[in-house]
């Protein structure tokens, strides 16, 4: 399989090196009350869980970060998770929050900011993922945040992105030799089974029959426009509620084993250029097959674009790591909970 590109997370990953912990002391602040999520959070965290150069990181921020991780595996109850996994979740999440605060402060100290217009553009882009304001507010409520908090997060992410792009990414190049060397020394990564390249437009359905009917009607109308010759990429950018909307719906190449059976049956049966709509748990998926490849090994030229992105992102991660290690050495970081130890509710 082709290597998956390294993704730079705006809340930066923990691989940037060990955090220098001070003696943990319990904060005197009262635990953040979060009645909406009692099944997951049982007063686990105090009001303040860490300080970075005197600036607090709040328990509700840590709860939110952990909840976002748990959503990806079906939001299991906290007490149903293994103790070692709970401890790792806490450690990963608090490390990411500390890293994010360090990078943001560094960006601001270098005069980097985000204008109200830039934040508004990001807000509008994010809001297009939802059919209406009620649906967006329901999503925000599920994350225990309001629109003001969302805007603050968007502002921080913009500032961090500008810093990384200007201070790190801008100076990175990937040479032809680096590309050919990686290709020749990792041959197994370029072997693949039968694969198909998919684009999709996702129209999420709601929890009620009425919202489902509305979603189906919208998806069918979009499918008809595609069948009448309108550009799939353009329509995906305008209407898709999926994470690949900004890429024109392009999901990339997948093999059968990486897809759900229902999804795989459809895309592997379609010809190149074929389009079909299916209903799945998340909503209505309009699928288009843009390419197919038989089992084999990707040629260097085929893999070149992905390798440039992959190797470039590795260098970005190395640059972020270097900056974070310096910032940790220069900063006073206090962790007020046992971040590396499993927590028992």
C-alpha atoms as a PDB file:
ATOM      1  CA  UNK A   1       0.000   0.000   0.000  1.00  0.00           C
ATOM      2  CA  UNK A   2       1.099   3.566  -0.579  1.00  0.00           C
ATOM      3  CA  UNK A   3       2.264   5.281   2.604  1.00  0.00           C
ATOM      4  CA  UNK A   4      -0.355   7.403   4.284  1.00  0.00           C
ATOM      5  CA  UNK A   5       0.655  11.037   4.549  1.00  0.00           C
ATOM      6  CA  UNK A   6       1.531  12.258   8.012  1.00  0.00           C
ATOM      7  CA  UNK A   7      -1.184  14.598   9.238  1.00  0.00           C
ATOM      8  CA  UNK A   8      -0.246  17.675  11.235  1.00  0.00           C
ATOM      9  CA  UNK A   9      -2.836  18.185  13.916  1.00  0.00           C
ATOM     10  CA  UNK A  10      -3.631  21.702  15.031  1.00  0.00           C
ATOM     11  CA  UNK A  11      -3.692  20.394  18.557  1.00  0.00           C
ATOM     12  CA  UNK A  12      -0.189  19.115  18.207  1.00  0.00           C
ATOM     13  CA  UNK A  13       0.680  15.456  18.775  1.00  0.00           C
ATOM     14  CA  UNK A  14       2.572  14.171  21.757  1.00  0.00           C
ATOM     15  CA  UNK A  15       5.531  12.775  19.803  1.00  0.00           C
ATOM     16  CA  UNK A  16       7.434  15.983  20.356  1.00  0.00           C
ATOM     17  CA  UNK A  17       9.345  14.506  23.280  1.00  0.00           C
ATOM     18  CA  UNK A  18       8.861  13.830  26.970  1.00  0.00           C
ATOM     19  CA  UNK A  19       7.089  16.470  29.004  1.00  0.00           C
ATOM     20  CA  UNK A  20       9.000  17.683  32.032  1.00  0.00           C
ATOM     21  CA  UNK A  21       6.541  17.151  34.885  1.00  0.00           C
ATOM     22  CA  UNK A  22       6.643  18.936  38.191  1.00  0.00           C
ATOM     23  CA  UNK A  23       5.371  17.300  41.358  1.00  0.00           C
ATOM     24  CA  UNK A  24       1.668  16.822  40.838  1.00  0.00           C
ATOM     25  CA  UNK A  25      -0.607  18.517  43.312  1.00  0.00           C
ATOM     26  CA  UNK A  26      -4.348  18.483  43.306  1.00  0.00           C
ATOM     27  CA  UNK A  27      -5.888  21.768  42.273  1.00  0.00           C
ATOM     28  CA  UNK A  28      -8.054  23.452  44.858  1.00  0.00           C
ATOM     29  CA  UNK A  29     -10.587  24.332  42.159  1.00  0.00           C
ATOM     30  CA  UNK A  30     -13.898  22.495  42.190  1.00  0.00           C
ATOM     31  CA  UNK A  31     -14.366  19.801  39.532  1.00  0.00           C
ATOM     32  CA  UNK A  32     -15.971  21.108  36.379  1.00  0.00           C
ATOM     33  CA  UNK A  33     -19.616  20.087  36.346  1.00  0.00           C
ATOM     34  CA  UNK A  34     -20.643  18.462  33.120  1.00  0.00           C
ATOM     35  CA  UNK A  35     -24.103  16.995  33.708  1.00  0.00           C
ATOM     36  CA  UNK A  36     -24.597  16.340  30.012  1.00  0.00           C
ATOM     37  CA  UNK A  37     -21.872  13.661  29.983  1.00  0.00           C
ATOM     38  CA  UNK A  38     -22.255  11.935  33.343  1.00  0.00           C
ATOM     39  CA  UNK A  39     -21.957   8.523  31.675  1.00  0.00           C
ATOM     40  CA  UNK A  40     -18.423   9.315  30.490  1.00  0.00           C
ATOM     41  CA  UNK A  41     -17.041  11.816  32.972  1.00  0.00           C
ATOM     42  CA  UNK A  42     -17.541  11.172  36.669  1.00  0.00           C
ATOM     43  CA  UNK A  43     -15.902  14.238  38.203  1.00  0.00           C
ATOM     44  CA  UNK A  44     -12.535  12.981  36.984  1.00  0.00           C
ATOM     45  CA  UNK A  45     -10.749  16.292  36.706  1.00  0.00           C
ATOM     46  CA  UNK A  46     -10.359  19.386  38.866  1.00  0.00           C
ATOM     47  CA  UNK A  47     -11.104  22.835  37.529  1.00  0.00           C
ATOM     48  CA  UNK A  48      -7.490  23.393  36.483  1.00  0.00           C
ATOM     49  CA  UNK A  49      -5.437  20.406  35.327  1.00  0.00           C
ATOM     50  CA  UNK A  50      -2.224  22.137  34.236  1.00  0.00           C
ATOM     51  CA  UNK A  51      -0.502  25.504  33.937  1.00  0.00           C
ATOM     52  CA  UNK A  52       1.845  26.645  31.197  1.00  0.00           C
ATOM     53  CA  UNK A  53       3.856  29.693  32.232  1.00  0.00           C
ATOM     54  CA  UNK A  54       1.072  30.476  34.669  1.00  0.00           C
ATOM     55  CA  UNK A  55      -1.727  30.115  32.104  1.00  0.00           C
ATOM     56  CA  UNK A  56      -4.310  27.487  33.102  1.00  0.00           C
ATOM     57  CA  UNK A  57      -5.516  24.486  31.149  1.00  0.00           C
ATOM     58  CA  UNK A  58      -8.986  23.672  32.432  1.00  0.00           C
ATOM     59  CA  UNK A  59     -10.518  20.344  33.286  1.00  0.00           C
ATOM     60  CA  UNK A  60     -13.370  20.957  30.851  1.00  0.00           C
ATOM     61  CA  UNK A  61     -10.819  21.342  28.033  1.00  0.00           C
ATOM     62  CA  UNK A  62      -9.279  18.005  28.937  1.00  0.00           C
ATOM     63  CA  UNK A  63     -12.711  16.379  29.169  1.00  0.00           C
ATOM     64  CA  UNK A  64     -13.584  17.742  25.740  1.00  0.00           C
ATOM     65  CA  UNK A  65     -10.342  16.491  24.203  1.00  0.00           C
ATOM     66  CA  UNK A  66     -10.902  13.016  25.633  1.00  0.00           C
ATOM     67  CA  UNK A  67     -14.529  12.976  24.547  1.00  0.00           C
ATOM     68  CA  UNK A  68     -13.471  13.846  20.981  1.00  0.00           C
ATOM     69  CA  UNK A  69     -11.183  10.814  21.025  1.00  0.00           C
ATOM     70  CA  UNK A  70     -13.870   8.538  22.446  1.00  0.00           C
ATOM     71  CA  UNK A  71     -16.409   9.610  19.811  1.00  0.00           C
ATOM     72  CA  UNK A  72     -14.249   7.856  17.221  1.00  0.00           C
ATOM     73  CA  UNK A  73     -14.804   4.519  18.973  1.00  0.00           C
ATOM     74  CA  UNK A  74     -18.477   4.982  19.762  1.00  0.00           C
ATOM     75  CA  UNK A  75     -18.286   7.038  22.980  1.00  0.00           C
ATOM     76  CA  UNK A  76     -17.889   4.146  25.432  1.00  0.00           C
ATOM     77  CA  UNK A  77     -18.347   4.778  29.133  1.00  0.00           C
ATOM     78  CA  UNK A  78     -15.191   5.837  30.920  1.00  0.00           C
ATOM     79  CA  UNK A  79     -15.549   2.978  33.394  1.00  0.00           C
ATOM     80  CA  UNK A  80     -15.691   0.455  30.527  1.00  0.00           C
ATOM     81  CA  UNK A  81     -12.200   1.404  29.316  1.00  0.00           C
ATOM     82  CA  UNK A  82      -9.058  -0.410  30.443  1.00  0.00           C
ATOM     83  CA  UNK A  83      -7.103   1.443  33.105  1.00  0.00           C
ATOM     84  CA  UNK A  84      -3.971   1.646  30.971  1.00  0.00           C
ATOM     85  CA  UNK A  85      -5.981   3.042  28.064  1.00  0.00           C
ATOM     86  CA  UNK A  86      -7.594   5.658  30.319  1.00  0.00           C
ATOM     87  CA  UNK A  87      -4.170   6.724  31.516  1.00  0.00           C
ATOM     88  CA  UNK A  88      -2.858   6.949  27.962  1.00  0.00           C
ATOM     89  CA  UNK A  89      -5.888   9.003  26.886  1.00  0.00           C
ATOM     90  CA  UNK A  90      -5.284  11.458  29.699  1.00  0.00           C
ATOM     91  CA  UNK A  91      -1.572  11.697  28.952  1.00  0.00           C
ATOM     92  CA  UNK A  92      -2.035  12.111  25.183  1.00  0.00           C
ATOM     93  CA  UNK A  93      -4.772  14.711  25.609  1.00  0.00           C
ATOM     94  CA  UNK A  94      -3.047  16.846  28.215  1.00  0.00           C
ATOM     95  CA  UNK A  95       0.196  16.724  26.222  1.00  0.00           C
ATOM     96  CA  UNK A  96      -1.632  17.930  23.120  1.00  0.00           C
ATOM     97  CA  UNK A  97      -3.228  20.785  25.092  1.00  0.00           C
ATOM     98  CA  UNK A  98       0.130  21.844  26.527  1.00  0.00           C
ATOM     99  CA  UNK A  99       1.801  21.656  23.106  1.00  0.00           C
ATOM    100  CA  UNK A 100      -0.970  23.702  21.538  1.00  0.00           C
ATOM    101  CA  UNK A 101      -0.699  26.395  24.213  1.00  0.00           C
ATOM    102  CA  UNK A 102       3.095  26.568  23.803  1.00  0.00           C
ATOM    103  CA  UNK A 103       2.940  26.909  20.015  1.00  0.00           C
ATOM    104  CA  UNK A 104       0.110  29.448  20.167  1.00  0.00           C
ATOM    105  CA  UNK A 105       2.006  31.624  22.643  1.00  0.00           C
ATOM    106  CA  UNK A 106       5.132  31.409  20.487  1.00  0.00           C
ATOM    107  CA  UNK A 107       3.156  32.452  17.415  1.00  0.00           C
ATOM    108  CA  UNK A 108       1.613  35.431  19.210  1.00  0.00           C
ATOM    109  CA  UNK A 109       5.018  36.510  20.541  1.00  0.00           C
ATOM    110  CA  UNK A 110       6.229  36.552  16.940  1.00  0.00           C
ATOM    111  CA  UNK A 111       3.445  38.924  15.945  1.00  0.00           C
ATOM    112  CA  UNK A 112       1.242  36.334  14.263  1.00  0.00           C
ATOM    113  CA  UNK A 113      -2.490  36.780  14.575  1.00  0.00           C
ATOM    114  CA  UNK A 114      -5.769  36.157  12.782  1.00  0.00           C
ATOM    115  CA  UNK A 115      -8.193  38.868  11.736  1.00  0.00           C
ATOM    116  CA  UNK A 116     -11.894  38.784  12.499  1.00  0.00           C
ATOM    117  CA  UNK A 117     -12.525  38.332   8.766  1.00  0.00           C
ATOM    118  CA  UNK A 118     -10.235  35.290   8.615  1.00  0.00           C
ATOM    119  CA  UNK A 119     -11.913  33.720  11.625  1.00  0.00           C
ATOM    120  CA  UNK A 120     -15.321  34.461  10.136  1.00  0.00           C
ATOM    121  CA  UNK A 121     -14.308  32.733   6.900  1.00  0.00           C
ATOM    122  CA  UNK A 122     -13.269  29.647   8.873  1.00  0.00           C
ATOM    123  CA  UNK A 123     -16.512  29.758  10.813  1.00  0.00           C
ATOM    124  CA  UNK A 124     -18.552  29.913   7.613  1.00  0.00           C
ATOM    125  CA  UNK A 125     -16.533  27.046   6.134  1.00  0.00           C
ATOM    126  CA  UNK A 126     -17.166  24.945   9.231  1.00  0.00           C
ATOM    127  CA  UNK A 127     -20.858  25.826   9.326  1.00  0.00           C
ATOM    128  CA  UNK A 128     -21.323  24.510   5.775  1.00  0.00           C
ATOM    129  CA  UNK A 129     -20.832  21.016   7.198  1.00  0.00           C
ATOM    130  CA  UNK A 130     -24.306  21.329   8.721  1.00  0.00           C
ATOM    131  CA  UNK A 131     -27.709  21.702   7.122  1.00  0.00           C
ATOM    132  CA  UNK A 132     -28.845  24.467   9.481  1.00  0.00           C
ATOM    133  CA  UNK A 133     -27.931  26.337  12.651  1.00  0.00           C
ATOM    134  CA  UNK A 134     -29.944  23.934  14.822  1.00  0.00           C
ATOM    135  CA  UNK A 135     -27.891  20.985  13.601  1.00  0.00           C
ATOM    136  CA  UNK A 136     -24.646  22.857  14.222  1.00  0.00           C
ATOM    137  CA  UNK A 137     -25.736  23.843  17.717  1.00  0.00           C
ATOM    138  CA  UNK A 138     -26.610  20.217  18.454  1.00  0.00           C
ATOM    139  CA  UNK A 139     -23.092  19.205  17.418  1.00  0.00           C
ATOM    140  CA  UNK A 140     -21.547  21.918  19.569  1.00  0.00           C
ATOM    141  CA  UNK A 141     -23.699  20.837  22.499  1.00  0.00           C
ATOM    142  CA  UNK A 142     -22.443  17.266  22.057  1.00  0.00           C
ATOM    143  CA  UNK A 143     -18.898  18.638  22.490  1.00  0.00           C
ATOM    144  CA  UNK A 144     -19.992  20.773  25.456  1.00  0.00           C
ATOM    145  CA  UNK A 145     -19.032  24.034  23.757  1.00  0.00           C
ATOM    146  CA  UNK A 146     -20.905  27.057  22.468  1.00  0.00           C
ATOM    147  CA  UNK A 147     -20.306  29.176  19.379  1.00  0.00           C
ATOM    148  CA  UNK A 148     -18.002  31.554  21.254  1.00  0.00           C
ATOM    149  CA  UNK A 149     -15.769  28.651  22.269  1.00  0.00           C
ATOM    150  CA  UNK A 150     -15.818  27.309  18.722  1.00  0.00           C
ATOM    151  CA  UNK A 151     -14.734  30.701  17.378  1.00  0.00           C
ATOM    152  CA  UNK A 152     -11.932  30.856  19.943  1.00  0.00           C
ATOM    153  CA  UNK A 153     -10.744  27.412  18.828  1.00  0.00           C
ATOM    154  CA  UNK A 154     -10.863  28.475  15.177  1.00  0.00           C
ATOM    155  CA  UNK A 155      -8.826  31.590  16.012  1.00  0.00           C
ATOM    156  CA  UNK A 156      -6.178  29.555  17.839  1.00  0.00           C
ATOM    157  CA  UNK A 157      -5.976  27.004  15.030  1.00  0.00           C
ATOM    158  CA  UNK A 158      -5.542  29.737  12.428  1.00  0.00           C
ATOM    159  CA  UNK A 159      -2.718  31.352  14.376  1.00  0.00           C
ATOM    160  CA  UNK A 160      -0.945  28.022  14.900  1.00  0.00           C
ATOM    161  CA  UNK A 161      -1.329  27.129  11.220  1.00  0.00           C
ATOM    162  CA  UNK A 162       0.133  30.473  10.156  1.00  0.00           C
ATOM    163  CA  UNK A 163       3.088  29.973  12.466  1.00  0.00           C
ATOM    164  CA  UNK A 164       3.820  26.450  11.255  1.00  0.00           C
ATOM    165  CA  UNK A 165       3.396  27.432   7.615  1.00  0.00           C
ATOM    166  CA  UNK A 166       5.661  30.467   7.929  1.00  0.00           C
ATOM    167  CA  UNK A 167       8.288  29.269  10.382  1.00  0.00           C
ATOM    168  CA  UNK A 168       8.543  25.607   9.385  1.00  0.00           C
ATOM    169  CA  UNK A 169       6.663  24.477   6.301  1.00  0.00           C
ATOM    170  CA  UNK A 170       7.794  27.359   4.099  1.00  0.00           C
ATOM    171  CA  UNK A 171      11.441  26.293   4.211  1.00  0.00           C
ATOM    172  CA  UNK A 172      10.857  22.601   3.538  1.00  0.00           C
ATOM    173  CA  UNK A 173      11.702  20.907   0.254  1.00  0.00           C
ATOM    174  CA  UNK A 174      11.704  17.258  -0.781  1.00  0.00           C
ATOM    175  CA  UNK A 175      14.424  16.336  -3.268  1.00  0.00           C
ATOM    176  CA  UNK A 176      14.118  13.803  -6.106  1.00  0.00           C
ATOM    177  CA  UNK A 177      16.815  11.732  -4.389  1.00  0.00           C
ATOM    178  CA  UNK A 178      14.824  11.593  -1.143  1.00  0.00           C
ATOM    179  CA  UNK A 179      11.800  10.409  -3.107  1.00  0.00           C
ATOM    180  CA  UNK A 180      13.678   7.701  -5.011  1.00  0.00           C
ATOM    181  CA  UNK A 181      15.577   6.585  -1.898  1.00  0.00           C
ATOM    182  CA  UNK A 182      12.386   6.124   0.100  1.00  0.00           C
ATOM    183  CA  UNK A 183      10.728   4.286  -2.764  1.00  0.00           C
ATOM    184  CA  UNK A 184      13.649   1.897  -3.235  1.00  0.00           C
ATOM    185  CA  UNK A 185      14.106   1.177   0.491  1.00  0.00           C
ATOM    186  CA  UNK A 186      10.396   0.605   1.320  1.00  0.00           C
ATOM    187  CA  UNK A 187       9.209  -1.650  -1.524  1.00  0.00           C
ATOM    188  CA  UNK A 188       6.475  -3.364   0.480  1.00  0.00           C
ATOM    189  CA  UNK A 189       4.706  -0.068   1.135  1.00  0.00           C
ATOM    190  CA  UNK A 190       3.958   0.281  -2.574  1.00  0.00           C
ATOM    191  CA  UNK A 191       2.406  -3.146  -3.059  1.00  0.00           C
ATOM    192  CA  UNK A 192      -1.368  -3.120  -3.157  1.00  0.00           C
ATOM    193  CA  UNK A 193      -4.330  -5.439  -3.759  1.00  0.00           C
ATOM    194  CA  UNK A 194      -7.123  -4.445  -6.128  1.00  0.00           C
ATOM    195  CA  UNK A 195      -7.886  -0.835  -5.251  1.00  0.00           C
ATOM    196  CA  UNK A 196     -10.423   1.755  -6.284  1.00  0.00           C
ATOM    197  CA  UNK A 197     -10.312   5.540  -6.066  1.00  0.00           C
ATOM    198  CA  UNK A 198     -13.506   6.991  -4.700  1.00  0.00           C
ATOM    199  CA  UNK A 199     -15.092  10.398  -4.456  1.00  0.00           C
ATOM    200  CA  UNK A 200     -18.145  10.951  -2.318  1.00  0.00           C
ATOM    201  CA  UNK A 201     -20.755  13.497  -1.372  1.00  0.00           C
ATOM    202  CA  UNK A 202     -22.176  12.883   2.091  1.00  0.00           C
ATOM    203  CA  UNK A 203     -25.554  14.249   3.113  1.00  0.00           C
ATOM    204  CA  UNK A 204     -26.010  13.437   6.787  1.00  0.00           C
ATOM    205  CA  UNK A 205     -29.426  12.266   7.916  1.00  0.00           C
ATOM    206  CA  UNK A 206     -30.945  13.262  11.216  1.00  0.00           C
ATOM    207  CA  UNK A 207     -32.465  11.164  13.973  1.00  0.00           C
ATOM    208  CA  UNK A 208     -36.088  11.689  12.929  1.00  0.00           C
ATOM    209  CA  UNK A 209     -38.005  10.348   9.911  1.00  0.00           C
ATOM    210  CA  UNK A 210     -38.608  13.927   8.808  1.00  0.00           C
ATOM    211  CA  UNK A 211     -34.941  14.881   8.784  1.00  0.00           C
ATOM    212  CA  UNK A 212     -34.052  11.610   7.059  1.00  0.00           C
ATOM    213  CA  UNK A 213     -36.622  12.267   4.339  1.00  0.00           C
ATOM    214  CA  UNK A 214     -35.247  15.771   3.859  1.00  0.00           C
ATOM    215  CA  UNK A 215     -31.689  14.451   3.581  1.00  0.00           C
ATOM    216  CA  UNK A 216     -32.738  11.805   1.049  1.00  0.00           C
ATOM    217  CA  UNK A 217     -34.561  14.396  -1.030  1.00  0.00           C
ATOM    218  CA  UNK A 218     -31.473  16.614  -1.086  1.00  0.00           C
ATOM    219  CA  UNK A 219     -29.156  13.706  -1.969  1.00  0.00           C
ATOM    220  CA  UNK A 220     -31.451  12.542  -4.786  1.00  0.00           C
ATOM    221  CA  UNK A 221     -31.570  16.072  -6.193  1.00  0.00           C
ATOM    222  CA  UNK A 222     -27.751  16.274  -6.188  1.00  0.00           C
ATOM    223  CA  UNK A 223     -27.473  12.821  -7.798  1.00  0.00           C
ATOM    224  CA  UNK A 224     -29.821  13.910 -10.578  1.00  0.00           C
ATOM    225  CA  UNK A 225     -27.691  16.997 -11.240  1.00  0.00           C
ATOM    226  CA  UNK A 226     -24.593  14.787 -11.519  1.00  0.00           C
ATOM    227  CA  UNK A 227     -26.387  12.423 -13.895  1.00  0.00           C
ATOM    228  CA  UNK A 228     -27.353  15.465 -15.971  1.00  0.00           C
ATOM    229  CA  UNK A 229     -23.699  16.389 -16.387  1.00  0.00           C
ATOM    230  CA  UNK A 230     -22.907  18.805 -13.546  1.00  0.00           C
ATOM    231  CA  UNK A 231     -19.404  18.656 -12.063  1.00  0.00           C
ATOM    232  CA  UNK A 232     -19.122  16.206  -9.150  1.00  0.00           C
ATOM    233  CA  UNK A 233     -16.144  18.050  -7.650  1.00  0.00           C
ATOM    234  CA  UNK A 234     -18.000  21.361  -7.608  1.00  0.00           C
ATOM    235  CA  UNK A 235     -21.120  19.858  -6.073  1.00  0.00           C
ATOM    236  CA  UNK A 236     -19.059  18.053  -3.427  1.00  0.00           C
ATOM    237  CA  UNK A 237     -17.469  21.325  -2.410  1.00  0.00           C
ATOM    238  CA  UNK A 238     -20.872  22.985  -2.139  1.00  0.00           C
ATOM    239  CA  UNK A 239     -22.954  20.299  -0.472  1.00  0.00           C
ATOM    240  CA  UNK A 240     -20.926  17.464   1.038  1.00  0.00           C
ATOM    241  CA  UNK A 241     -20.938  17.263   4.845  1.00  0.00           C
ATOM    242  CA  UNK A 242     -18.002  14.883   4.851  1.00  0.00           C
ATOM    243  CA  UNK A 243     -14.367  15.670   5.696  1.00  0.00           C
ATOM    244  CA  UNK A 244     -13.265  15.487   2.036  1.00  0.00           C
ATOM    245  CA  UNK A 245     -15.602  18.216   0.797  1.00  0.00           C
ATOM    246  CA  UNK A 246     -12.734  20.687   0.383  1.00  0.00           C
ATOM    247  CA  UNK A 247     -10.950  18.136  -1.839  1.00  0.00           C
ATOM    248  CA  UNK A 248     -13.939  17.830  -4.136  1.00  0.00           C
ATOM    249  CA  UNK A 249     -15.021  14.701  -2.311  1.00  0.00           C
ATOM    250  CA  UNK A 250     -11.874  12.737  -3.177  1.00  0.00           C
ATOM    251  CA  UNK A 251     -11.393   9.938  -0.641  1.00  0.00           C
ATOM    252  CA  UNK A 252      -8.355   8.456  -2.389  1.00  0.00           C
ATOM    253  CA  UNK A 253      -7.605   4.797  -3.075  1.00  0.00           C
ATOM    254  CA  UNK A 254      -9.051   2.028  -0.913  1.00  0.00           C
ATOM    255  CA  UNK A 255      -9.009  -1.769  -0.960  1.00  0.00           C
ATOM    256  CA  UNK A 256     -11.969  -3.960  -0.052  1.00  0.00           C
ATOM    257  CA  UNK A 257     -10.631  -4.825   3.379  1.00  0.00           C
ATOM    258  CA  UNK A 258     -10.539  -1.168   4.444  1.00  0.00           C
ATOM    259  CA  UNK A 259     -14.204  -0.523   3.571  1.00  0.00           C
ATOM    260  CA  UNK A 260     -17.459  -1.725   5.074  1.00  0.00           C
ATOM    261  CA  UNK A 261     -18.918  -4.618   3.025  1.00  0.00           C
ATOM    262  CA  UNK A 262     -21.882  -2.584   1.784  1.00  0.00           C
ATOM    263  CA  UNK A 263     -19.646   0.304   0.712  1.00  0.00           C
ATOM    264  CA  UNK A 264     -17.090  -2.023  -0.899  1.00  0.00           C
ATOM    265  CA  UNK A 265     -19.749  -3.952  -2.838  1.00  0.00           C
ATOM    266  CA  UNK A 266     -20.954  -0.744  -4.456  1.00  0.00           C
ATOM    267  CA  UNK A 267     -17.645   0.883  -5.397  1.00  0.00           C
ATOM    268  CA  UNK A 268     -15.984  -2.299  -6.635  1.00  0.00           C
ATOM    269  CA  UNK A 269     -19.002  -3.099  -8.826  1.00  0.00           C
ATOM    270  CA  UNK A 270     -19.164   0.346 -10.421  1.00  0.00           C
ATOM    271  CA  UNK A 271     -17.177   1.096 -13.576  1.00  0.00           C
ATOM    272  CA  UNK A 272     -14.755   4.008 -13.665  1.00  0.00           C
ATOM    273  CA  UNK A 273     -16.930   7.114 -13.884  1.00  0.00           C
ATOM    274  CA  UNK A 274     -19.914   5.313 -12.391  1.00  0.00           C
ATOM    275  CA  UNK A 275     -22.040   7.026  -9.738  1.00  0.00           C
ATOM    276  CA  UNK A 276     -24.471   5.557  -7.202  1.00  0.00           C
ATOM    277  CA  UNK A 277     -26.208   6.651  -4.003  1.00  0.00           C
ATOM    278  CA  UNK A 278     -26.376   4.432  -0.931  1.00  0.00           C
ATOM    279  CA  UNK A 279     -27.831   4.892   2.556  1.00  0.00           C
ATOM    280  CA  UNK A 280     -25.557   4.134   5.494  1.00  0.00           C
ATOM    281  CA  UNK A 281     -25.647   4.910   9.189  1.00  0.00           C
ATOM    282  CA  UNK A 282     -24.266   8.421   8.830  1.00  0.00           C
ATOM    283  CA  UNK A 283     -26.527   9.402   5.971  1.00  0.00           C
ATOM    284  CA  UNK A 284     -26.729   9.315   2.181  1.00  0.00           C
ATOM    285  CA  UNK A 285     -23.483   8.770   0.277  1.00  0.00           C
ATOM    286  CA  UNK A 286     -23.257   9.674  -3.404  1.00  0.00           C
ATOM    287  CA  UNK A 287     -20.278   7.633  -4.605  1.00  0.00           C
ATOM    288  CA  UNK A 288     -18.233   8.037  -7.765  1.00  0.00           C
ATOM    289  CA  UNK A 289     -15.434   5.735  -8.903  1.00  0.00           C
ATOM    290  CA  UNK A 290     -12.665   7.773 -10.518  1.00  0.00           C
ATOM    291  CA  UNK A 291     -10.032   5.063 -11.032  1.00  0.00           C
ATOM    292  CA  UNK A 292      -9.305   1.366 -10.507  1.00  0.00           C
ATOM    293  CA  UNK A 293      -6.042  -0.530 -10.218  1.00  0.00           C
ATOM    294  CA  UNK A 294      -5.424  -4.262 -10.218  1.00  0.00           C
ATOM    295  CA  UNK A 295      -3.232  -5.902  -7.597  1.00  0.00           C
ATOM    296  CA  UNK A 296       0.397  -4.969  -8.096  1.00  0.00           C
ATOM    297  CA  UNK A 297       3.083  -2.451  -7.164  1.00  0.00           C
ATOM    298  CA  UNK A 298       2.682   1.263  -7.688  1.00  0.00           C
ATOM    299  CA  UNK A 299       5.324   2.729  -9.977  1.00  0.00           C
ATOM    300  CA  UNK A 300       7.526   5.508  -8.640  1.00  0.00           C
ATOM    301  CA  UNK A 301       5.837   8.047 -10.895  1.00  0.00           C
ATOM    302  CA  UNK A 302       2.409   7.004  -9.581  1.00  0.00           C
ATOM    303  CA  UNK A 303       3.565   7.363  -5.976  1.00  0.00           C
ATOM    304  CA  UNK A 304       5.582  10.548  -6.477  1.00  0.00           C
ATOM    305  CA  UNK A 305       2.898  13.051  -5.490  1.00  0.00           C
ATOM    306  CA  UNK A 306       1.988  11.169  -2.319  1.00  0.00           C
ATOM    307  CA  UNK A 307       5.654  10.718  -1.437  1.00  0.00           C
ATOM    308  CA  UNK A 308       6.313  14.438  -1.729  1.00  0.00           C
ATOM    309  CA  UNK A 309       3.437  15.092   0.670  1.00  0.00           C
ATOM    310  CA  UNK A 310       4.411  12.248   3.006  1.00  0.00           C
ATOM    311  CA  UNK A 311       8.095  13.148   3.247  1.00  0.00           C
ATOM    312  CA  UNK A 312       7.295  16.839   3.502  1.00  0.00           C
ATOM    313  CA  UNK A 313       4.946  16.245   6.420  1.00  0.00           C
ATOM    314  CA  UNK A 314       7.613  14.149   8.145  1.00  0.00           C
ATOM    315  CA  UNK A 315       9.901  17.174   7.944  1.00  0.00           C
ATOM    316  CA  UNK A 316       7.150  19.445   9.258  1.00  0.00           C
ATOM    317  CA  UNK A 317       6.669  17.120  12.224  1.00  0.00           C
ATOM    318  CA  UNK A 318      10.416  17.139  12.881  1.00  0.00           C
ATOM    319  CA  UNK A 319      10.403  20.941  12.777  1.00  0.00           C
ATOM    320  CA  UNK A 320       7.457  21.136  15.174  1.00  0.00           C
ATOM    321  CA  UNK A 321       9.218  18.704  17.501  1.00  0.00           C
ATOM    322  CA  UNK A 322      12.343  20.851  17.526  1.00  0.00           C
ATOM    323  CA  UNK A 323      10.364  24.002  18.332  1.00  0.00           C
ATOM    324  CA  UNK A 324       8.372  22.288  21.083  1.00  0.00           C
ATOM    325  CA  UNK A 325      11.466  20.839  22.721  1.00  0.00           C
ATOM    326  CA  UNK A 326      12.968  24.334  22.863  1.00  0.00           C
ATOM    327  CA  UNK A 327       9.747  25.825  24.223  1.00  0.00           C
ATOM    328  CA  UNK A 328       9.519  23.172  26.933  1.00  0.00           C
ATOM    329  CA  UNK A 329      13.061  23.897  28.038  1.00  0.00           C
ATOM    330  CA  UNK A 330      12.214  27.598  28.270  1.00  0.00           C
ATOM    331  CA  UNK A 331       8.803  27.194  29.927  1.00  0.00           C
ATOM    332  CA  UNK A 332       7.375  26.395  33.335  1.00  0.00           C
ATOM    333  CA  UNK A 333       4.921  23.530  32.951  1.00  0.00           C
ATOM    334  CA  UNK A 334       2.917  22.272  35.904  1.00  0.00           C
ATOM    335  CA  UNK A 335       0.754  19.166  35.594  1.00  0.00           C
ATOM    336  CA  UNK A 336      -1.768  19.122  38.438  1.00  0.00           C
ATOM    337  CA  UNK A 337      -3.125  15.615  37.869  1.00  0.00           C
ATOM    338  CA  UNK A 338      -1.333  12.263  37.470  1.00  0.00           C
ATOM    339  CA  UNK A 339      -1.208  12.538  33.663  1.00  0.00           C
ATOM    340  CA  UNK A 340       0.774   9.364  33.119  1.00  0.00           C
ATOM    341  CA  UNK A 341      -1.124   7.202  35.585  1.00  0.00           C
ATOM    342  CA  UNK A 342      -4.498   5.525  34.962  1.00  0.00           C
ATOM    343  CA  UNK A 343      -7.289   7.366  36.699  1.00  0.00           C
ATOM    344  CA  UNK A 344      -9.864   5.481  38.712  1.00  0.00           C
ATOM    345  CA  UNK A 345     -13.263   7.201  38.808  1.00  0.00           C
END
